[in-house]
Amino acid sequence: MILVNACPVSAQAPETEPGELVGTLEGGWAGIGGEHTGWVLRPDDDTSAIEVDVSCCTSIAAELDGQRVTLLGRWAAKQYVERGPIRVFVANEIRPAD
């Protein structure tokens, strides 16, 4: 898959407080010049794709690829050369959604 849309940081300021996202986890994504974490979360009842950083637990992410999950983590700004600053959800825990 190729990332077409991204949520620029300027659209919404990054949050530093811990948060939780629920949706379908998808791996195999790519961005311009390889500038992408490779993972997105598709929230329930939403057609958007949120770029997520699952480097905390890549083996668990691979096992849960394509499944509904709960991500615990925080929002952060990731600076890419071509894409510029992008808002990314950095997970510190992944588990199957209830």
C-alpha atoms as a PDB file:
ATOM      1  CA  MET A   1       0.000   0.000   0.000  1.00  0.00           C
ATOM      2  CA  ILE A   2       1.101   3.559  -0.537  1.00  0.00           C
ATOM      3  CA  LEU A   3       0.244   6.336   1.844  1.00  0.00           C
ATOM      4  CA  VAL A   4      -1.734   8.984   0.032  1.00  0.00           C
ATOM      5  CA  ASN A   5      -2.993  11.153   2.874  1.00  0.00           C
ATOM      6  CA  ALA A   6      -1.212  12.073   6.060  1.00  0.00           C
ATOM      7  CA  CYS A   7      -2.150  14.217   8.999  1.00  0.00           C
ATOM      8  CA  PRO A   8       0.373  17.049   9.093  1.00  0.00           C
ATOM      9  CA  VAL A   9       1.471  18.156  12.513  1.00  0.00           C
ATOM     10  CA  SER A  10       0.226  21.665  11.840  1.00  0.00           C
ATOM     11  CA  ALA A  11      -3.340  20.337  11.530  1.00  0.00           C
ATOM     12  CA  GLN A  12      -3.359  19.352  15.184  1.00  0.00           C
ATOM     13  CA  ALA A  13      -0.711  19.845  17.845  1.00  0.00           C
ATOM     14  CA  PRO A  14       0.908  16.659  19.157  1.00  0.00           C
ATOM     15  CA  GLU A  15      -0.154  15.536  22.601  1.00  0.00           C
ATOM     16  CA  THR A  16       2.248  14.256  25.204  1.00  0.00           C
ATOM     17  CA  GLU A  17      -0.304  12.634  27.503  1.00  0.00           C
ATOM     18  CA  PRO A  18      -0.737   8.858  27.242  1.00  0.00           C
ATOM     19  CA  GLY A  19      -3.618   7.783  25.037  1.00  0.00           C
ATOM     20  CA  GLU A  20      -5.416   4.800  23.573  1.00  0.00           C
ATOM     21  CA  LEU A  21      -6.517   4.004  20.030  1.00  0.00           C
ATOM     22  CA  VAL A  22      -8.709   1.128  18.867  1.00  0.00           C
ATOM     23  CA  GLY A  23      -9.002  -0.106  15.303  1.00  0.00           C
ATOM     24  CA  THR A  24      -7.589  -2.458  12.685  1.00  0.00           C
ATOM     25  CA  LEU A  25      -3.800  -2.656  12.521  1.00  0.00           C
ATOM     26  CA  GLU A  26      -2.271  -2.845   9.020  1.00  0.00           C
ATOM     27  CA  GLY A  27       1.379  -3.370   8.117  1.00  0.00           C
ATOM     28  CA  GLY A  28       3.096  -3.077   4.745  1.00  0.00           C
ATOM     29  CA  TRP A  29       2.502   0.640   4.162  1.00  0.00           C
ATOM     30  CA  ALA A  30       5.068   2.883   2.482  1.00  0.00           C
ATOM     31  CA  GLY A  31       5.515   6.592   1.931  1.00  0.00           C
ATOM     32  CA  ILE A  32       7.444   8.800  -0.451  1.00  0.00           C
ATOM     33  CA  GLY A  33      11.129   7.864  -0.301  1.00  0.00           C
ATOM     34  CA  GLY A  34      10.382   5.170   2.275  1.00  0.00           C
ATOM     35  CA  GLU A  35       9.302   7.814   4.774  1.00  0.00           C
ATOM     36  CA  HIS A  36       6.741   5.875   6.764  1.00  0.00           C
ATOM     37  CA  THR A  37       6.713   3.664   9.823  1.00  0.00           C
ATOM     38  CA  GLY A  38       5.136   0.930   7.702  1.00  0.00           C
ATOM     39  CA  TRP A  39       2.102   0.619   9.979  1.00  0.00           C
ATOM     40  CA  VAL A  40      -1.301   2.283  10.220  1.00  0.00           C
ATOM     41  CA  LEU A  41      -4.361   1.917  12.386  1.00  0.00           C
ATOM     42  CA  ARG A  42      -7.796   2.209  10.799  1.00  0.00           C
ATOM     43  CA  PRO A  43     -10.124   3.418  13.546  1.00  0.00           C
ATOM     44  CA  ASP A  44     -13.518   1.771  13.933  1.00  0.00           C
ATOM     45  CA  ASP A  45     -16.226   3.408  11.783  1.00  0.00           C
ATOM     46  CA  ASP A  46     -13.667   5.668  10.070  1.00  0.00           C
ATOM     47  CA  THR A  47     -12.054   5.482   6.643  1.00  0.00           C
ATOM     48  CA  SER A  48      -8.888   7.307   7.699  1.00  0.00           C
ATOM     49  CA  ALA A  49      -5.541   5.664   8.371  1.00  0.00           C
ATOM     50  CA  ILE A  50      -3.433   6.850  11.303  1.00  0.00           C
ATOM     51  CA  GLU A  51       0.305   6.300  10.983  1.00  0.00           C
ATOM     52  CA  VAL A  52       1.546   4.388  14.019  1.00  0.00           C
ATOM     53  CA  ASP A  53       5.000   3.503  15.308  1.00  0.00           C
ATOM     54  CA  VAL A  54       4.948  -0.036  16.686  1.00  0.00           C
ATOM     55  CA  SER A  55       8.715  -0.432  17.081  1.00  0.00           C
ATOM     56  CA  CYS A  56       8.097  -1.231  20.762  1.00  0.00           C
ATOM     57  CA  CYS A  57       6.608  -4.560  19.876  1.00  0.00           C
ATOM     58  CA  THR A  58       7.146  -5.517  16.245  1.00  0.00           C
ATOM     59  CA  SER A  59       6.653  -9.247  16.764  1.00  0.00           C
ATOM     60  CA  ILE A  60       3.270  -8.714  18.449  1.00  0.00           C
ATOM     61  CA  ALA A  61       2.292  -6.228  15.722  1.00  0.00           C
ATOM     62  CA  ALA A  62       3.170  -8.809  13.051  1.00  0.00           C
ATOM     63  CA  GLU A  63       1.018 -11.426  14.805  1.00  0.00           C
ATOM     64  CA  LEU A  64      -1.924  -9.008  15.046  1.00  0.00           C
ATOM     65  CA  ASP A  65      -1.593  -7.556  11.517  1.00  0.00           C
ATOM     66  CA  GLY A  66      -5.082  -7.205  10.013  1.00  0.00           C
ATOM     67  CA  GLN A  67      -6.823  -7.631  13.355  1.00  0.00           C
ATOM     68  CA  ARG A  68      -8.670  -5.255  15.645  1.00  0.00           C
ATOM     69  CA  VAL A  69      -6.294  -4.030  18.353  1.00  0.00           C
ATOM     70  CA  THR A  70      -5.908  -1.554  21.178  1.00  0.00           C
ATOM     71  CA  LEU A  71      -2.771   0.589  21.086  1.00  0.00           C
ATOM     72  CA  LEU A  72      -1.565   2.345  24.224  1.00  0.00           C
ATOM     73  CA  GLY A  73       0.930   5.156  23.694  1.00  0.00           C
ATOM     74  CA  ARG A  74       1.188   8.857  22.874  1.00  0.00           C
ATOM     75  CA  TRP A  75       1.102  11.250  19.930  1.00  0.00           C
ATOM     76  CA  ALA A  76       4.406  12.560  18.606  1.00  0.00           C
ATOM     77  CA  ALA A  77       5.673  14.640  15.714  1.00  0.00           C
ATOM     78  CA  LYS A  78       7.921  12.736  13.320  1.00  0.00           C
ATOM     79  CA  GLN A  79      10.056  14.860  11.008  1.00  0.00           C
ATOM     80  CA  TYR A  80      10.506  13.392   7.541  1.00  0.00           C
ATOM     81  CA  VAL A  81      12.732  14.913   4.838  1.00  0.00           C
ATOM     82  CA  GLU A  82      10.163  14.728   2.013  1.00  0.00           C
ATOM     83  CA  ARG A  83       6.866  14.608   3.909  1.00  0.00           C
ATOM     84  CA  GLY A  84       7.803  17.131   6.580  1.00  0.00           C
ATOM     85  CA  PRO A  85       6.410  16.913  10.114  1.00  0.00           C
ATOM     86  CA  ILE A  86       3.760  14.220  10.499  1.00  0.00           C
ATOM     87  CA  ARG A  87       1.656  13.355  13.550  1.00  0.00           C
ATOM     88  CA  VAL A  88       2.302   9.718  14.509  1.00  0.00           C
ATOM     89  CA  PHE A  89       0.896   7.624  17.354  1.00  0.00           C
ATOM     90  CA  VAL A  90       3.830   5.929  19.119  1.00  0.00           C
ATOM     91  CA  ALA A  91       2.641   2.720  20.756  1.00  0.00           C
ATOM     92  CA  ASN A  92       4.191   1.343  23.924  1.00  0.00           C
ATOM     93  CA  GLU A  93       1.760  -1.586  24.129  1.00  0.00           C
ATOM     94  CA  ILE A  94      -0.367  -3.519  21.628  1.00  0.00           C
ATOM     95  CA  ARG A  95      -3.066  -5.999  22.566  1.00  0.00           C
ATOM     96  CA  PRO A  96      -6.067  -7.578  20.882  1.00  0.00           C
ATOM     97  CA  ALA A  97      -9.141  -5.377  21.240  1.00  0.00           C
ATOM     98  CA  ASP A  98     -11.901  -6.526  23.586  1.00  0.00           C
END
